[in-house]
Amino acid sequence: MPENAAAPSRPRMRADARRNHDRIVAAAGILVAEQGAEASLEEIARQAGVGSATLHRHFPTRQALLEAVFQERVDALCAKAADLLTAPDPGEALFAWLRAVAAHAAANRGLGASLMPGADPSLGSACHAMVVNAGENLLARARAADAVRPEIPIDRLLKLVGAISQATEQDPDAPAEADRLLAIAIDGIRRP
């Protein structure tokens, strides 16, 4: 990849700064999964082996840290959507992706809320846009195949998935419970 293809907003980091950044994101990922999106920033810094000032130098806001934590997870969901664009059944491809979004959000406490429209607009805005675009591509394909009701927009589907994920994230087997509830909702999304 050419050097100029890197994200223009992120300056190059020294090796030690990159290590600190990566340790902070890894620690935050673990603590957010355990405690939710409101995990203590001080505890995240301690787990990463850095001071609070180092954490805040890399991530000036909680939202910036959460975006970094969720970015990799969202990238995986978007890659799955891209893979499903070539699936033989466009309706089932959309439903498989919605199930993946729900399971992922339910298993990663706080992700569902960050992806729902109406949440803090700065929290996960880039991640939300990526998910919306990925889902819109699958939804358009399912609509063209007459596999889904035409009046349902992607933002409503994502709200539905987000609500299911939030409702189940405390369950012992959150992804499975989210899938069971989403299966009920999918029956209402299918074209009659």
N, C-alpha and C. Protein backbone atom coordinates (compact mmCIF):
# COMPACT_ATOMS: atom_id res chain seq x y z
N MET A 1 0.85 -1.18 0.00
CA MET A 1 0.00 0.00 0.00
C MET A 1 0.88 1.23 0.00
N PRO A 2 0.65 2.18 -0.87
CA PRO A 2 1.48 3.37 -0.92
C PRO A 2 1.31 4.19 0.35
N GLU A 3 2.38 4.91 0.70
CA GLU A 3 2.35 5.70 1.92
C GLU A 3 1.24 6.74 1.89
N ASN A 4 0.96 7.32 0.75
CA ASN A 4 -0.06 8.35 0.68
C ASN A 4 -1.47 7.78 0.76
N ALA A 5 -1.64 6.46 0.79
CA ALA A 5 -2.96 5.85 0.92
C ALA A 5 -3.41 5.77 2.36
N ALA A 6 -2.53 6.05 3.32
CA ALA A 6 -2.91 6.01 4.73
C ALA A 6 -3.92 7.11 5.02
N ALA A 7 -4.66 6.93 6.11
CA ALA A 7 -5.67 7.92 6.50
C ALA A 7 -5.00 9.26 6.72
N PRO A 8 -5.46 10.32 6.06
CA PRO A 8 -4.80 11.62 6.15
C PRO A 8 -4.91 12.25 7.52
N SER A 9 -5.92 11.90 8.30
CA SER A 9 -6.11 12.55 9.60
C SER A 9 -5.25 11.95 10.70
N ARG A 10 -4.62 10.82 10.46
CA ARG A 10 -3.82 10.17 11.49
C ARG A 10 -2.34 10.29 11.17
N PRO A 11 -1.62 11.14 11.92
CA PRO A 11 -0.18 11.27 11.66
C PRO A 11 0.54 9.98 12.06
N ARG A 12 1.70 9.80 11.47
CA ARG A 12 2.52 8.64 11.83
C ARG A 12 2.94 8.72 13.27
N MET A 13 2.97 7.57 13.93
CA MET A 13 3.38 7.53 15.33
C MET A 13 4.74 6.88 15.46
N ARG A 14 5.46 7.31 16.48
CA ARG A 14 6.71 6.62 16.82
C ARG A 14 6.32 5.20 17.27
N ALA A 15 7.28 4.32 17.26
CA ALA A 15 7.01 2.93 17.63
C ALA A 15 6.47 2.82 19.05
N ASP A 16 7.04 3.56 19.99
CA ASP A 16 6.56 3.46 21.37
C ASP A 16 5.16 4.06 21.51
N ALA A 17 4.87 5.11 20.77
CA ALA A 17 3.53 5.70 20.80
C ALA A 17 2.52 4.73 20.19
N ARG A 18 2.90 4.05 19.12
CA ARG A 18 2.01 3.06 18.49
C ARG A 18 1.73 1.91 19.47
N ARG A 19 2.78 1.46 20.19
CA ARG A 19 2.58 0.39 21.18
C ARG A 19 1.61 0.84 22.26
N ASN A 20 1.80 2.05 22.77
CA ASN A 20 0.89 2.58 23.80
C ASN A 20 -0.54 2.65 23.26
N HIS A 21 -0.68 3.17 22.06
CA HIS A 21 -2.00 3.27 21.43
C HIS A 21 -2.65 1.88 21.36
N ASP A 22 -1.92 0.91 20.86
CA ASP A 22 -2.45 -0.44 20.70
C ASP A 22 -2.79 -1.08 22.04
N ARG A 23 -1.94 -0.84 23.06
CA ARG A 23 -2.22 -1.39 24.40
C ARG A 23 -3.46 -0.76 25.00
N ILE A 24 -3.65 0.53 24.78
CA ILE A 24 -4.84 1.21 25.30
C ILE A 24 -6.09 0.66 24.63
N VAL A 25 -6.06 0.51 23.33
CA VAL A 25 -7.22 -0.01 22.61
C VAL A 25 -7.52 -1.45 23.05
N ALA A 26 -6.49 -2.26 23.21
CA ALA A 26 -6.70 -3.65 23.65
C ALA A 26 -7.30 -3.70 25.05
N ALA A 27 -6.75 -2.92 25.97
CA ALA A 27 -7.29 -2.88 27.34
C ALA A 27 -8.71 -2.37 27.34
N ALA A 28 -8.98 -1.35 26.56
CA ALA A 28 -10.34 -0.80 26.49
C ALA A 28 -11.30 -1.84 25.93
N GLY A 29 -10.88 -2.58 24.94
CA GLY A 29 -11.73 -3.62 24.36
C GLY A 29 -12.14 -4.66 25.39
N ILE A 30 -11.19 -5.07 26.21
CA ILE A 30 -11.48 -6.06 27.25
C ILE A 30 -12.43 -5.49 28.30
N LEU A 31 -12.12 -4.29 28.78
CA LEU A 31 -12.94 -3.70 29.84
C LEU A 31 -14.32 -3.29 29.35
N VAL A 32 -14.43 -2.82 28.12
CA VAL A 32 -15.74 -2.48 27.59
C VAL A 32 -16.58 -3.74 27.43
N ALA A 33 -15.98 -4.84 27.00
CA ALA A 33 -16.72 -6.10 26.89
C ALA A 33 -17.21 -6.57 28.26
N GLU A 34 -16.41 -6.35 29.30
CA GLU A 34 -16.79 -6.77 30.65
C GLU A 34 -17.76 -5.80 31.32
N GLN A 35 -17.52 -4.49 31.18
CA GLN A 35 -18.24 -3.50 31.96
C GLN A 35 -19.15 -2.59 31.15
N GLY A 36 -19.03 -2.63 29.85
CA GLY A 36 -19.83 -1.75 29.01
C GLY A 36 -19.06 -0.51 28.60
N ALA A 37 -19.71 0.34 27.82
CA ALA A 37 -19.07 1.51 27.24
C ALA A 37 -18.69 2.56 28.28
N GLU A 38 -19.20 2.45 29.49
CA GLU A 38 -18.87 3.41 30.55
C GLU A 38 -17.71 2.93 31.43
N ALA A 39 -16.94 1.96 30.96
CA ALA A 39 -15.79 1.46 31.72
C ALA A 39 -14.88 2.62 32.12
N SER A 40 -14.29 2.52 33.28
CA SER A 40 -13.43 3.58 33.81
C SER A 40 -12.21 3.82 32.94
N LEU A 41 -12.01 5.07 32.55
CA LEU A 41 -10.83 5.41 31.75
C LEU A 41 -9.56 5.20 32.56
N GLU A 42 -9.61 5.48 33.86
CA GLU A 42 -8.43 5.27 34.71
C GLU A 42 -8.06 3.79 34.77
N GLU A 43 -9.09 2.92 34.85
CA GLU A 43 -8.81 1.48 34.87
C GLU A 43 -8.27 1.02 33.52
N ILE A 44 -8.77 1.58 32.45
CA ILE A 44 -8.25 1.25 31.12
C ILE A 44 -6.77 1.62 31.04
N ALA A 45 -6.42 2.82 31.52
CA ALA A 45 -5.01 3.25 31.51
C ALA A 45 -4.16 2.29 32.34
N ARG A 46 -4.66 1.93 33.54
CA ARG A 46 -3.91 1.00 34.40
C ARG A 46 -3.70 -0.34 33.71
N GLN A 47 -4.76 -0.89 33.13
CA GLN A 47 -4.66 -2.18 32.45
C GLN A 47 -3.69 -2.13 31.26
N ALA A 48 -3.63 -0.97 30.61
CA ALA A 48 -2.74 -0.81 29.46
C ALA A 48 -1.30 -0.54 29.89
N GLY A 49 -1.10 -0.23 31.18
CA GLY A 49 0.25 0.06 31.66
C GLY A 49 0.72 1.45 31.28
N VAL A 50 -0.21 2.38 31.13
CA VAL A 50 0.14 3.76 30.79
C VAL A 50 -0.52 4.70 31.80
N GLY A 51 -0.07 5.92 31.82
CA GLY A 51 -0.68 6.92 32.67
C GLY A 51 -1.93 7.51 32.03
N SER A 52 -2.72 8.16 32.85
CA SER A 52 -3.94 8.80 32.37
C SER A 52 -3.64 9.84 31.30
N ALA A 53 -2.55 10.58 31.47
CA ALA A 53 -2.19 11.60 30.48
C ALA A 53 -1.88 10.96 29.13
N THR A 54 -1.24 9.80 29.13
CA THR A 54 -0.94 9.11 27.88
C THR A 54 -2.23 8.67 27.20
N LEU A 55 -3.15 8.13 27.98
CA LEU A 55 -4.44 7.74 27.43
C LEU A 55 -5.12 8.95 26.78
N HIS A 56 -5.17 10.06 27.49
CA HIS A 56 -5.86 11.25 26.98
C HIS A 56 -5.11 11.91 25.81
N ARG A 57 -3.81 11.71 25.73
CA ARG A 57 -3.06 12.24 24.60
C ARG A 57 -3.46 11.47 23.33
N HIS A 58 -3.64 10.18 23.47
CA HIS A 58 -4.04 9.36 22.32
C HIS A 58 -5.52 9.49 22.02
N PHE A 59 -6.33 9.60 23.08
CA PHE A 59 -7.78 9.63 22.95
C PHE A 59 -8.33 10.75 23.82
N PRO A 60 -8.49 11.94 23.27
CA PRO A 60 -8.91 13.09 24.07
C PRO A 60 -10.32 12.96 24.64
N THR A 61 -11.15 12.09 24.07
CA THR A 61 -12.51 11.89 24.58
C THR A 61 -12.80 10.40 24.68
N ARG A 62 -13.77 10.07 25.51
CA ARG A 62 -14.24 8.69 25.62
C ARG A 62 -14.73 8.21 24.25
N GLN A 63 -15.43 9.10 23.54
CA GLN A 63 -15.96 8.73 22.23
C GLN A 63 -14.85 8.32 21.27
N ALA A 64 -13.74 9.04 21.30
CA ALA A 64 -12.61 8.71 20.41
C ALA A 64 -12.06 7.32 20.75
N LEU A 65 -11.97 7.02 22.03
CA LEU A 65 -11.48 5.70 22.44
C LEU A 65 -12.46 4.60 22.02
N LEU A 66 -13.75 4.83 22.24
CA LEU A 66 -14.73 3.82 21.86
C LEU A 66 -14.74 3.60 20.34
N GLU A 67 -14.59 4.67 19.58
CA GLU A 67 -14.51 4.49 18.12
C GLU A 67 -13.33 3.60 17.75
N ALA A 68 -12.19 3.81 18.41
CA ALA A 68 -11.02 2.99 18.11
C ALA A 68 -11.27 1.53 18.48
N VAL A 69 -11.91 1.32 19.63
CA VAL A 69 -12.21 -0.05 20.06
C VAL A 69 -13.15 -0.73 19.07
N PHE A 70 -14.16 -0.01 18.65
CA PHE A 70 -15.18 -0.60 17.80
C PHE A 70 -14.81 -0.64 16.34
N GLN A 71 -13.81 0.14 15.93
CA GLN A 71 -13.46 0.23 14.51
C GLN A 71 -13.12 -1.14 13.92
N GLU A 72 -12.30 -1.89 14.61
CA GLU A 72 -11.91 -3.21 14.09
C GLU A 72 -13.12 -4.13 13.99
N ARG A 73 -14.00 -4.05 14.97
CA ARG A 73 -15.19 -4.89 14.97
C ARG A 73 -16.12 -4.49 13.83
N VAL A 74 -16.25 -3.21 13.61
CA VAL A 74 -17.10 -2.73 12.52
C VAL A 74 -16.49 -3.09 11.17
N ASP A 75 -15.18 -3.00 11.07
CA ASP A 75 -14.51 -3.41 9.83
C ASP A 75 -14.87 -4.86 9.48
N ALA A 76 -14.91 -5.73 10.49
CA ALA A 76 -15.25 -7.13 10.25
C ALA A 76 -16.69 -7.27 9.77
N LEU A 77 -17.61 -6.50 10.35
CA LEU A 77 -19.01 -6.55 9.92
C LEU A 77 -19.15 -6.06 8.47
N CYS A 78 -18.40 -5.03 8.13
CA CYS A 78 -18.46 -4.50 6.77
C CYS A 78 -17.85 -5.48 5.77
N ALA A 79 -16.80 -6.16 6.17
CA ALA A 79 -16.20 -7.17 5.30
C ALA A 79 -17.18 -8.32 5.06
N LYS A 80 -17.90 -8.70 6.11
CA LYS A 80 -18.92 -9.75 5.96
C LYS A 80 -20.00 -9.30 4.98
N ALA A 81 -20.43 -8.04 5.09
CA ALA A 81 -21.44 -7.51 4.17
C ALA A 81 -20.93 -7.57 2.73
N ALA A 82 -19.68 -7.19 2.52
CA ALA A 82 -19.10 -7.23 1.18
C ALA A 82 -19.08 -8.65 0.63
N ASP A 83 -18.73 -9.62 1.49
CA ASP A 83 -18.72 -11.02 1.07
C ASP A 83 -20.13 -11.49 0.69
N LEU A 84 -21.13 -11.04 1.45
CA LEU A 84 -22.50 -11.47 1.22
C LEU A 84 -23.13 -10.85 -0.02
N LEU A 85 -22.52 -9.81 -0.57
CA LEU A 85 -23.06 -9.18 -1.77
C LEU A 85 -23.07 -10.12 -2.97
N THR A 86 -22.31 -11.19 -2.91
CA THR A 86 -22.28 -12.16 -4.01
C THR A 86 -23.04 -13.44 -3.68
N ALA A 87 -23.71 -13.47 -2.52
CA ALA A 87 -24.48 -14.66 -2.15
C ALA A 87 -25.63 -14.86 -3.13
N PRO A 88 -26.00 -16.11 -3.41
CA PRO A 88 -27.04 -16.36 -4.40
C PRO A 88 -28.44 -15.85 -3.99
N ASP A 89 -28.74 -15.80 -2.71
CA ASP A 89 -30.06 -15.34 -2.25
C ASP A 89 -29.91 -14.00 -1.55
N PRO A 90 -30.25 -12.89 -2.21
CA PRO A 90 -30.06 -11.56 -1.62
C PRO A 90 -30.82 -11.34 -0.31
N GLY A 91 -32.01 -11.90 -0.19
CA GLY A 91 -32.77 -11.75 1.06
C GLY A 91 -32.07 -12.45 2.21
N GLU A 92 -31.67 -13.67 1.98
CA GLU A 92 -30.98 -14.42 3.04
C GLU A 92 -29.63 -13.79 3.36
N ALA A 93 -28.99 -13.19 2.37
CA ALA A 93 -27.71 -12.50 2.62
C ALA A 93 -27.94 -11.33 3.57
N LEU A 94 -28.97 -10.54 3.33
CA LEU A 94 -29.29 -9.42 4.23
C LEU A 94 -29.59 -9.94 5.63
N PHE A 95 -30.40 -10.98 5.73
CA PHE A 95 -30.77 -11.51 7.05
C PHE A 95 -29.57 -12.10 7.78
N ALA A 96 -28.68 -12.75 7.06
CA ALA A 96 -27.46 -13.28 7.68
C ALA A 96 -26.62 -12.15 8.23
N TRP A 97 -26.52 -11.05 7.49
CA TRP A 97 -25.73 -9.91 7.96
C TRP A 97 -26.39 -9.26 9.16
N LEU A 98 -27.71 -9.09 9.14
CA LEU A 98 -28.40 -8.52 10.30
C LEU A 98 -28.18 -9.38 11.54
N ARG A 99 -28.19 -10.70 11.37
CA ARG A 99 -27.92 -11.60 12.49
C ARG A 99 -26.48 -11.41 13.00
N ALA A 100 -25.54 -11.23 12.09
CA ALA A 100 -24.15 -11.01 12.50
C ALA A 100 -24.01 -9.70 13.25
N VAL A 101 -24.69 -8.65 12.79
CA VAL A 101 -24.66 -7.36 13.49
C VAL A 101 -25.24 -7.51 14.88
N ALA A 102 -26.38 -8.18 15.00
CA ALA A 102 -27.03 -8.36 16.30
C ALA A 102 -26.17 -9.17 17.25
N ALA A 103 -25.62 -10.27 16.78
CA ALA A 103 -24.78 -11.12 17.64
C ALA A 103 -23.54 -10.38 18.08
N HIS A 104 -22.95 -9.65 17.16
CA HIS A 104 -21.74 -8.91 17.47
C HIS A 104 -22.02 -7.81 18.49
N ALA A 105 -23.09 -7.08 18.28
CA ALA A 105 -23.44 -6.00 19.20
C ALA A 105 -23.82 -6.54 20.57
N ALA A 106 -24.55 -7.63 20.62
CA ALA A 106 -24.96 -8.20 21.91
C ALA A 106 -23.75 -8.72 22.68
N ALA A 107 -22.76 -9.23 21.97
CA ALA A 107 -21.57 -9.77 22.63
C ALA A 107 -20.57 -8.69 23.02
N ASN A 108 -20.71 -7.50 22.48
CA ASN A 108 -19.78 -6.41 22.75
C ASN A 108 -20.55 -5.24 23.34
N ARG A 109 -20.71 -5.27 24.63
CA ARG A 109 -21.55 -4.32 25.35
C ARG A 109 -21.25 -2.88 24.95
N GLY A 110 -22.30 -2.16 24.62
CA GLY A 110 -22.15 -0.76 24.26
C GLY A 110 -22.09 -0.52 22.76
N LEU A 111 -21.73 -1.53 21.98
CA LEU A 111 -21.64 -1.33 20.54
C LEU A 111 -23.02 -1.05 19.97
N GLY A 112 -24.03 -1.78 20.42
CA GLY A 112 -25.38 -1.55 19.92
C GLY A 112 -25.81 -0.12 20.09
N ALA A 113 -25.59 0.43 21.25
CA ALA A 113 -25.99 1.82 21.51
C ALA A 113 -25.21 2.79 20.64
N SER A 114 -23.93 2.49 20.41
CA SER A 114 -23.13 3.42 19.61
C SER A 114 -23.51 3.40 18.15
N LEU A 115 -24.12 2.32 17.71
CA LEU A 115 -24.51 2.22 16.30
C LEU A 115 -25.92 2.72 16.04
N MET A 116 -26.70 2.93 17.09
CA MET A 116 -28.08 3.35 16.90
C MET A 116 -28.16 4.85 16.61
N PRO A 117 -28.89 5.20 15.57
CA PRO A 117 -29.14 6.63 15.34
C PRO A 117 -29.87 7.21 16.54
N GLY A 118 -29.61 8.45 16.85
CA GLY A 118 -30.22 9.07 18.00
C GLY A 118 -29.32 9.03 19.22
N ALA A 119 -28.29 8.19 19.20
CA ALA A 119 -27.31 8.19 20.28
C ALA A 119 -26.44 9.43 20.11
N ASP A 120 -25.49 9.62 21.00
CA ASP A 120 -24.58 10.76 20.89
C ASP A 120 -24.01 10.77 19.47
N PRO A 121 -24.26 11.83 18.68
CA PRO A 121 -23.85 11.81 17.28
C PRO A 121 -22.34 11.70 17.08
N SER A 122 -21.55 12.12 18.05
CA SER A 122 -20.10 12.01 17.87
C SER A 122 -19.59 10.61 18.18
N LEU A 123 -20.38 9.83 18.92
CA LEU A 123 -19.97 8.49 19.30
C LEU A 123 -20.20 7.53 18.15
N GLY A 124 -19.15 7.08 17.58
CA GLY A 124 -19.24 6.08 16.54
C GLY A 124 -19.77 6.59 15.22
N SER A 125 -19.69 7.89 14.95
CA SER A 125 -20.27 8.40 13.71
C SER A 125 -19.63 7.76 12.48
N ALA A 126 -18.34 7.62 12.49
CA ALA A 126 -17.68 6.97 11.35
C ALA A 126 -18.08 5.50 11.25
N CYS A 127 -18.11 4.83 12.40
CA CYS A 127 -18.51 3.41 12.41
C CYS A 127 -19.95 3.26 11.95
N HIS A 128 -20.81 4.14 12.44
CA HIS A 128 -22.22 4.08 12.05
C HIS A 128 -22.37 4.25 10.54
N ALA A 129 -21.66 5.21 9.97
CA ALA A 129 -21.75 5.45 8.53
C ALA A 129 -21.29 4.21 7.75
N MET A 130 -20.25 3.56 8.21
CA MET A 130 -19.76 2.36 7.54
C MET A 130 -20.81 1.25 7.57
N VAL A 131 -21.43 1.05 8.73
CA VAL A 131 -22.44 0.01 8.88
C VAL A 131 -23.66 0.33 8.02
N VAL A 132 -24.10 1.58 8.03
CA VAL A 132 -25.25 1.98 7.21
C VAL A 132 -24.96 1.71 5.74
N ASN A 133 -23.80 2.11 5.26
CA ASN A 133 -23.46 1.89 3.85
C ASN A 133 -23.41 0.41 3.50
N ALA A 134 -22.80 -0.38 4.37
CA ALA A 134 -22.72 -1.83 4.12
C ALA A 134 -24.12 -2.44 4.09
N GLY A 135 -24.95 -2.05 5.05
CA GLY A 135 -26.31 -2.58 5.10
C GLY A 135 -27.16 -2.11 3.94
N GLU A 136 -26.99 -0.85 3.55
CA GLU A 136 -27.78 -0.32 2.43
C GLU A 136 -27.51 -1.09 1.15
N ASN A 137 -26.26 -1.47 0.93
CA ASN A 137 -25.93 -2.24 -0.27
C ASN A 137 -26.65 -3.59 -0.27
N LEU A 138 -26.66 -4.25 0.88
CA LEU A 138 -27.35 -5.54 0.98
C LEU A 138 -28.86 -5.36 0.86
N LEU A 139 -29.39 -4.32 1.48
CA LEU A 139 -30.83 -4.06 1.43
C LEU A 139 -31.27 -3.74 0.00
N ALA A 140 -30.50 -2.94 -0.71
CA ALA A 140 -30.85 -2.61 -2.10
C ALA A 140 -30.91 -3.87 -2.96
N ARG A 141 -29.97 -4.74 -2.75
CA ARG A 141 -29.95 -6.00 -3.50
C ARG A 141 -31.15 -6.87 -3.15
N ALA A 142 -31.52 -6.93 -1.86
CA ALA A 142 -32.68 -7.71 -1.43
C ALA A 142 -33.97 -7.10 -1.97
N ARG A 143 -34.04 -5.77 -2.00
CA ARG A 143 -35.23 -5.10 -2.58
C ARG A 143 -35.35 -5.44 -4.06
N ALA A 144 -34.24 -5.37 -4.78
CA ALA A 144 -34.25 -5.66 -6.22
C ALA A 144 -34.71 -7.08 -6.50
N ALA A 145 -34.44 -7.99 -5.57
CA ALA A 145 -34.86 -9.39 -5.72
C ALA A 145 -36.27 -9.60 -5.17
N ASP A 146 -36.91 -8.52 -4.70
CA ASP A 146 -38.25 -8.58 -4.13
C ASP A 146 -38.32 -9.52 -2.92
N ALA A 147 -37.24 -9.53 -2.14
CA ALA A 147 -37.15 -10.42 -0.99
C ALA A 147 -37.56 -9.76 0.32
N VAL A 148 -37.65 -8.43 0.32
CA VAL A 148 -38.01 -7.69 1.53
C VAL A 148 -39.08 -6.66 1.20
N ARG A 149 -39.78 -6.23 2.24
CA ARG A 149 -40.77 -5.17 2.06
C ARG A 149 -40.04 -3.91 1.61
N PRO A 150 -40.52 -3.24 0.58
CA PRO A 150 -39.78 -2.11 0.00
C PRO A 150 -39.76 -0.85 0.85
N GLU A 151 -40.68 -0.71 1.78
CA GLU A 151 -40.78 0.54 2.55
C GLU A 151 -39.87 0.60 3.77
N ILE A 152 -39.15 -0.44 4.06
CA ILE A 152 -38.31 -0.47 5.27
C ILE A 152 -36.90 0.04 4.93
N PRO A 153 -36.50 1.18 5.52
CA PRO A 153 -35.15 1.70 5.26
C PRO A 153 -34.11 1.06 6.19
N ILE A 154 -32.86 1.16 5.81
CA ILE A 154 -31.78 0.54 6.58
C ILE A 154 -31.68 1.12 7.98
N ASP A 155 -31.96 2.41 8.17
CA ASP A 155 -31.83 2.96 9.51
C ASP A 155 -32.83 2.32 10.47
N ARG A 156 -34.01 1.96 9.99
CA ARG A 156 -34.98 1.29 10.87
C ARG A 156 -34.53 -0.15 11.17
N LEU A 157 -33.96 -0.80 10.20
CA LEU A 157 -33.45 -2.15 10.46
C LEU A 157 -32.34 -2.11 11.50
N LEU A 158 -31.46 -1.12 11.39
CA LEU A 158 -30.37 -1.02 12.36
C LEU A 158 -30.88 -0.63 13.74
N LYS A 159 -31.90 0.20 13.81
CA LYS A 159 -32.51 0.51 15.11
C LYS A 159 -33.09 -0.75 15.74
N LEU A 160 -33.75 -1.54 14.93
CA LEU A 160 -34.32 -2.79 15.41
C LEU A 160 -33.23 -3.73 15.93
N VAL A 161 -32.18 -3.89 15.16
CA VAL A 161 -31.06 -4.74 15.58
C VAL A 161 -30.41 -4.18 16.84
N GLY A 162 -30.22 -2.86 16.89
CA GLY A 162 -29.63 -2.23 18.07
C GLY A 162 -30.48 -2.44 19.31
N ALA A 163 -31.79 -2.30 19.17
CA ALA A 163 -32.69 -2.49 20.32
C ALA A 163 -32.65 -3.94 20.80
N ILE A 164 -32.66 -4.88 19.88
CA ILE A 164 -32.57 -6.29 20.25
C ILE A 164 -31.24 -6.57 20.95
N SER A 165 -30.18 -6.01 20.43
CA SER A 165 -28.86 -6.23 21.02
C SER A 165 -28.78 -5.66 22.43
N GLN A 166 -29.30 -4.45 22.61
CA GLN A 166 -29.29 -3.85 23.94
C GLN A 166 -30.13 -4.65 24.92
N ALA A 167 -31.25 -5.15 24.44
CA ALA A 167 -32.15 -5.92 25.32
C ALA A 167 -31.53 -7.25 25.75
N THR A 168 -30.60 -7.77 24.98
CA THR A 168 -30.06 -9.10 25.27
C THR A 168 -28.62 -9.09 25.75
N GLU A 169 -27.96 -7.94 25.77
CA GLU A 169 -26.51 -7.95 26.05
C GLU A 169 -26.18 -8.44 27.46
N GLN A 170 -27.11 -8.44 28.38
CA GLN A 170 -26.85 -8.95 29.73
C GLN A 170 -27.17 -10.43 29.86
N ASP A 171 -27.78 -11.03 28.85
CA ASP A 171 -28.12 -12.46 28.90
C ASP A 171 -26.84 -13.29 28.89
N PRO A 172 -26.88 -14.47 29.56
CA PRO A 172 -25.69 -15.32 29.56
C PRO A 172 -25.22 -15.71 28.16
N ASP A 173 -26.16 -15.95 27.25
CA ASP A 173 -25.79 -16.27 25.87
C ASP A 173 -26.41 -15.21 24.96
N ALA A 174 -25.92 -13.98 25.09
CA ALA A 174 -26.50 -12.83 24.40
C ALA A 174 -26.61 -13.02 22.89
N PRO A 175 -25.56 -13.48 22.20
CA PRO A 175 -25.70 -13.61 20.75
C PRO A 175 -26.83 -14.58 20.33
N ALA A 176 -26.98 -15.68 21.05
CA ALA A 176 -28.03 -16.65 20.70
C ALA A 176 -29.42 -16.06 20.97
N GLU A 177 -29.58 -15.36 22.08
CA GLU A 177 -30.87 -14.75 22.38
C GLU A 177 -31.19 -13.64 21.38
N ALA A 178 -30.19 -12.86 21.02
CA ALA A 178 -30.39 -11.82 20.00
C ALA A 178 -30.83 -12.45 18.68
N ASP A 179 -30.24 -13.58 18.32
CA ASP A 179 -30.61 -14.26 17.08
C ASP A 179 -32.05 -14.77 17.14
N ARG A 180 -32.46 -15.30 18.28
CA ARG A 180 -33.84 -15.78 18.40
C ARG A 180 -34.84 -14.64 18.23
N LEU A 181 -34.57 -13.50 18.87
CA LEU A 181 -35.48 -12.35 18.75
C LEU A 181 -35.45 -11.77 17.34
N LEU A 182 -34.28 -11.72 16.74
CA LEU A 182 -34.18 -11.19 15.39
C LEU A 182 -34.91 -12.09 14.39
N ALA A 183 -34.92 -13.39 14.62
CA ALA A 183 -35.65 -14.30 13.74
C ALA A 183 -37.14 -13.94 13.71
N ILE A 184 -37.68 -13.54 14.85
CA ILE A 184 -39.08 -13.12 14.90
C ILE A 184 -39.26 -11.86 14.07
N ALA A 185 -38.36 -10.90 14.22
CA ALA A 185 -38.45 -9.63 13.49
C ALA A 185 -38.27 -9.83 12.00
N ILE A 186 -37.41 -10.75 11.60
CA ILE A 186 -37.14 -10.98 10.18
C ILE A 186 -38.42 -11.42 9.46
N ASP A 187 -39.27 -12.15 10.15
CA ASP A 187 -40.53 -12.56 9.52
C ASP A 187 -41.36 -11.34 9.12
N GLY A 188 -41.24 -10.24 9.86
CA GLY A 188 -41.95 -9.01 9.52
C GLY A 188 -41.27 -8.19 8.45
N ILE A 189 -40.02 -8.49 8.16
CA ILE A 189 -39.25 -7.75 7.15
C ILE A 189 -39.41 -8.40 5.77
N ARG A 190 -39.62 -9.71 5.77
CA ARG A 190 -39.75 -10.44 4.50
C ARG A 190 -40.93 -9.90 3.69
N ARG A 191 -40.79 -10.00 2.42
CA ARG A 191 -41.89 -9.62 1.51
C ARG A 191 -42.98 -10.68 1.65
N PRO A 192 -44.24 -10.25 1.91
CA PRO A 192 -45.34 -11.24 2.05
C PRO A 192 -45.60 -11.97 0.73
